[in-house]
Amino acid sequence: QVQLVESGGGLVQPGGSLRLSCAASGFTFSNYAMNWYRQAPGKERELVADITSAGGNTNYADSVKGRFTISRDNAKNTVYLQMNALKPEDTAVYYCKAHFWARNYWGQGTQVTVSS
C-alpha cells in the first residue's frame, strides 16, 4: 500500500524555521521525483519545490527561492523541506507528491501557520 506521510508542520512566528518531512512507503522511492506543494485557504495548490529521483537537481518557486531547501534521503525513503525566514504568506497546508511517468502519489498534508 502506497503511503506518503508528512510531518513537522505547526505554528511558527515570522522569521522562524520549520523542517517538514515526508516518509514514503509502498513503492520504490528512489525511482520517483518528489515535489512539495502548498495550498492556502481560497487559493489554488501551488508547486513549491521539486527534486529529481537521485537528488541531483532541484527547483523552487520564486516566492520561496533562497529561503526553502528541498532534500531527500533515499536510504530513509524520506524527502524534506527546510523552511527558513518564514513569512505569514507561507501559511498553508503543505503536501508532498511522488511522481514517476504517469504515476502520482500524494500525502495527506501538514498545516504550517506563520503568525505572531
Protein backbone atom coordinates (compact mmCIF):
# COMPACT_ATOMS: atom_id res chain seq x y z
CA GLN A 1 0.00 0.00 0.00
CA VAL A 2 1.40 3.36 -1.07
CA GLN A 3 1.74 5.90 1.73
CA LEU A 4 3.19 9.38 1.98
CA VAL A 5 3.08 10.80 5.48
CA GLU A 6 4.02 14.41 6.08
CA SER A 7 5.09 15.72 9.47
CA GLY A 8 6.79 18.74 11.01
CA GLY A 9 4.16 21.39 10.47
CA GLY A 10 2.96 23.73 13.17
CA LEU A 11 2.71 27.31 14.34
CA VAL A 12 5.80 29.49 13.98
CA GLN A 13 6.49 33.20 14.29
CA PRO A 14 7.51 35.26 11.26
CA GLY A 15 11.22 34.83 10.63
CA GLY A 16 11.22 31.38 12.17
CA SER A 17 12.04 28.00 10.69
CA LEU A 18 10.39 24.63 10.25
CA ARG A 19 11.52 21.38 8.72
CA LEU A 20 8.90 19.25 7.02
CA SER A 21 9.38 15.55 6.41
CA CYS A 22 7.56 13.19 4.11
CA ALA A 23 8.04 9.48 4.74
CA ALA A 24 7.25 7.18 1.83
CA SER A 25 6.38 3.51 1.70
CA GLY A 26 4.82 1.02 -0.68
CA PHE A 27 6.76 1.97 -3.78
CA THR A 28 10.36 2.30 -4.96
CA PHE A 29 11.07 5.75 -3.59
CA SER A 30 14.42 6.16 -5.34
CA ASN A 31 12.72 5.95 -8.76
CA TYR A 32 10.42 8.86 -8.08
CA ALA A 33 10.91 12.58 -8.32
CA MET A 34 9.42 14.35 -5.33
CA ASN A 35 7.56 17.61 -5.00
CA TRP A 36 6.35 19.84 -2.21
CA TYR A 37 3.14 21.73 -2.90
CA ARG A 38 1.13 24.07 -0.72
CA GLN A 39 -2.43 25.32 -0.66
CA ALA A 40 -3.56 28.38 1.24
CA PRO A 41 -7.23 28.98 2.06
CA GLY A 42 -9.11 30.16 -1.01
CA LYS A 43 -6.13 29.66 -3.30
CA GLU A 44 -5.06 27.02 -5.77
CA ARG A 45 -2.47 24.44 -4.88
CA GLU A 46 0.95 25.61 -5.99
CA LEU A 47 4.26 23.89 -6.55
CA VAL A 48 6.85 24.99 -4.00
CA ALA A 49 9.87 22.81 -4.76
CA ASP A 50 10.89 19.66 -6.56
CA ILE A 51 13.82 17.30 -6.56
CA THR A 52 14.86 14.61 -9.01
CA SER A 53 14.95 10.95 -8.09
CA ALA A 54 18.65 10.89 -7.25
CA GLY A 55 18.57 14.34 -5.71
CA GLY A 56 20.88 15.92 -8.22
CA ASN A 57 18.57 18.69 -9.36
CA THR A 58 16.17 20.93 -7.50
CA ASN A 59 13.81 23.73 -8.47
CA TYR A 60 11.90 26.29 -6.42
CA ALA A 61 9.04 28.69 -6.80
CA ASP A 62 10.26 32.27 -6.96
CA SER A 63 8.35 33.05 -3.76
CA VAL A 64 10.49 30.64 -1.70
CA LYS A 65 13.81 30.73 -3.52
CA GLY A 66 16.67 31.40 -1.12
CA ARG A 67 14.53 30.56 1.93
CA PHE A 68 13.43 26.94 1.38
CA THR A 69 15.57 23.90 0.66
CA ILE A 70 14.31 20.55 -0.58
CA SER A 71 16.39 17.44 0.03
CA ARG A 72 15.94 13.69 0.17
CA ASP A 73 17.42 10.61 1.77
CA ASN A 74 16.75 7.62 -0.44
CA ALA A 75 18.08 5.27 2.22
CA LYS A 76 15.33 6.50 4.55
CA ASN A 77 12.65 6.92 1.87
CA THR A 78 12.13 10.46 3.04
CA VAL A 79 12.01 13.90 1.46
CA TYR A 80 12.46 17.09 3.45
CA LEU A 81 11.61 20.75 3.13
CA GLN A 82 13.69 23.09 5.26
CA MET A 83 11.85 26.39 5.54
CA ASN A 84 13.68 29.43 6.87
CA ALA A 85 12.76 33.11 7.20
CA LEU A 86 9.09 32.17 7.18
CA LYS A 87 6.52 34.79 6.29
CA PRO A 88 2.78 34.97 7.04
CA GLU A 89 2.13 34.36 3.35
CA ASP A 90 3.78 30.94 3.71
CA THR A 91 0.78 29.83 5.77
CA ALA A 92 -0.79 26.86 4.00
CA VAL A 93 -1.27 23.13 4.05
CA TYR A 94 1.89 21.57 2.65
CA TYR A 95 1.71 18.35 0.63
CA CYS A 96 4.36 16.06 -0.75
CA LYS A 97 3.91 14.30 -4.03
CA ALA A 98 5.79 11.47 -5.68
CA HIS A 99 5.75 11.17 -9.43
CA PHE A 100 7.20 8.79 -11.97
CA TRP A 101 5.92 8.95 -15.54
CA ALA A 102 2.12 8.85 -15.21
CA ARG A 103 2.10 7.74 -11.57
CA ASN A 104 1.39 10.36 -8.92
CA TYR A 105 1.01 9.78 -5.19
CA TRP A 106 0.00 12.44 -2.68
CA GLY A 107 0.33 12.76 1.05
CA GLN A 108 -2.45 13.99 3.32
CA GLY A 109 -0.80 17.32 4.08
CA THR A 110 0.54 19.13 7.12
CA GLN A 111 -0.54 22.58 8.28
CA VAL A 112 2.01 25.37 8.52
CA THR A 113 0.88 28.59 10.15
CA VAL A 114 3.15 31.62 10.32
CA SER A 115 1.79 34.17 12.75
CA SER A 116 2.85 36.32 15.67
